C-alpha atoms as a PDB file:
ATOM      1  CA  MET A   1     111.047  91.076  95.918  1.00  0.00           C
ATOM      2  CA  PRO A   2     112.179  91.163  99.573  1.00  0.00           C
ATOM      3  CA  ILE A   3     111.438  93.988 101.994  1.00  0.00           C
ATOM      4  CA  ASP A   4     113.748  96.974 101.503  1.00  0.00           C
ATOM      5  CA  PRO A   5     116.283  97.087 104.382  1.00  0.00           C
ATOM      6  CA  GLU A   6     115.732 100.853 104.769  1.00  0.00           C
ATOM      7  CA  LEU A   7     111.994 100.289 105.206  1.00  0.00           C
ATOM      8  CA  LEU A   8     112.651  97.532 107.736  1.00  0.00           C
ATOM      9  CA  GLU A   9     114.764  99.957 109.798  1.00  0.00           C
ATOM     10  CA  ILE A  10     111.887 102.449 110.216  1.00  0.00           C
ATOM     11  CA  LEU A  11     108.980 100.018 110.689  1.00  0.00           C
ATOM     12  CA  ALA A  12     107.803  99.406 114.241  1.00  0.00           C
ATOM     13  CA  CYS A  13     105.080  97.342 115.864  1.00  0.00           C
ATOM     14  CA  PRO A  14     101.888  99.440 115.911  1.00  0.00           C
ATOM     15  CA  LEU A  15     101.011  98.052 119.350  1.00  0.00           C
ATOM     16  CA  CYS A  16     104.205  98.352 121.414  1.00  0.00           C
ATOM     17  CA  LYS A  17     106.378 100.491 119.064  1.00  0.00           C
ATOM     18  CA  THR A  18     109.285  98.030 119.156  1.00  0.00           C
ATOM     19  CA  GLY A  19     111.440  97.179 116.141  1.00  0.00           C
ATOM     20  CA  LEU A  20     110.535  94.356 113.776  1.00  0.00           C
ATOM     21  CA  GLU A  21     112.613  91.612 112.216  1.00  0.00           C
ATOM     22  CA  LEU A  22     111.955  89.729 109.012  1.00  0.00           C
ATOM     23  CA  LYS A  23     111.086  86.073 109.560  1.00  0.00           C
ATOM     24  CA  PRO A  24     113.577  83.654 107.952  1.00  0.00           C
ATOM     25  CA  ASP A  25     110.956  82.479 105.441  1.00  0.00           C
ATOM     26  CA  GLN A  26     110.081  86.141 104.652  1.00  0.00           C
ATOM     27  CA  SER A  27     106.381  85.492 105.320  1.00  0.00           C
ATOM     28  CA  GLY A  28     106.072  88.224 107.921  1.00  0.00           C
ATOM     29  CA  LEU A  29     107.599  90.774 110.259  1.00  0.00           C
ATOM     30  CA  LYS A  30     107.947  89.726 113.880  1.00  0.00           C
ATOM     31  CA  CYS A  31     107.894  92.117 116.824  1.00  0.00           C
ATOM     32  CA  GLN A  32     110.834  91.508 119.139  1.00  0.00           C
ATOM     33  CA  LYS A  33     108.846  92.433 122.261  1.00  0.00           C
ATOM     34  CA  CYS A  34     105.205  91.266 121.974  1.00  0.00           C
ATOM     35  CA  LYS A  35     105.950  88.418 119.478  1.00  0.00           C
ATOM     36  CA  ARG A  36     103.220  89.475 117.018  1.00  0.00           C
ATOM     37  CA  VAL A  37     103.866  88.535 113.397  1.00  0.00           C
ATOM     38  CA  TYR A  38     102.544  90.928 110.776  1.00  0.00           C
ATOM     39  CA  PRO A  39     102.018  89.147 107.444  1.00  0.00           C
ATOM     40  CA  ILE A  40     103.582  90.190 104.154  1.00  0.00           C
ATOM     41  CA  ARG A  41     101.233  89.868 101.178  1.00  0.00           C
ATOM     42  CA  GLU A  42     102.400  90.594  97.632  1.00  0.00           C
ATOM     43  CA  ASP A  43     105.562  92.202  99.066  1.00  0.00           C
ATOM     44  CA  ILE A  44     103.515  94.614 101.249  1.00  0.00           C
ATOM     45  CA  PRO A  45     103.695  94.396 105.065  1.00  0.00           C
ATOM     46  CA  ILE A  46     100.202  94.369 106.588  1.00  0.00           C
ATOM     47  CA  MET A  47     100.739  96.427 109.739  1.00  0.00           C
ATOM     48  CA  LEU A  48      97.283  95.980 111.267  1.00  0.00           C
ATOM     49  CA  ILE A  49      97.066  94.642 114.824  1.00  0.00           C
ATOM     50  CA  ASP A  50      93.970  92.599 113.915  1.00  0.00           C
ATOM     51  CA  GLU A  51      95.897  90.833 111.126  1.00  0.00           C
ATOM     52  CA  ALA A  52      98.854  89.875 113.344  1.00  0.00           C
ATOM     53  CA  LYS A  53      99.292  86.487 114.998  1.00  0.00           C
ATOM     54  CA  ILE A  54     101.206  85.912 118.218  1.00  0.00           C
ATOM     55  CA  GLU A  55     104.110  83.492 117.792  1.00  0.00           C
ATOM     56  CA  GLU A  56     106.653  82.287 120.352  1.00  0.00           C
END
């Protein structure tokens, strides 16, 4: 089950408070500013800074 579009609209990066976009493969949510990718596990976004990976 993909991330609900309404949820995606209100989620923001916990570090820089910028909006997130769903990666094309739906494996995570990517911050548009700091480029951190927050993983999605079992259809739940893991919004912990320590769990995020920086991706260009």
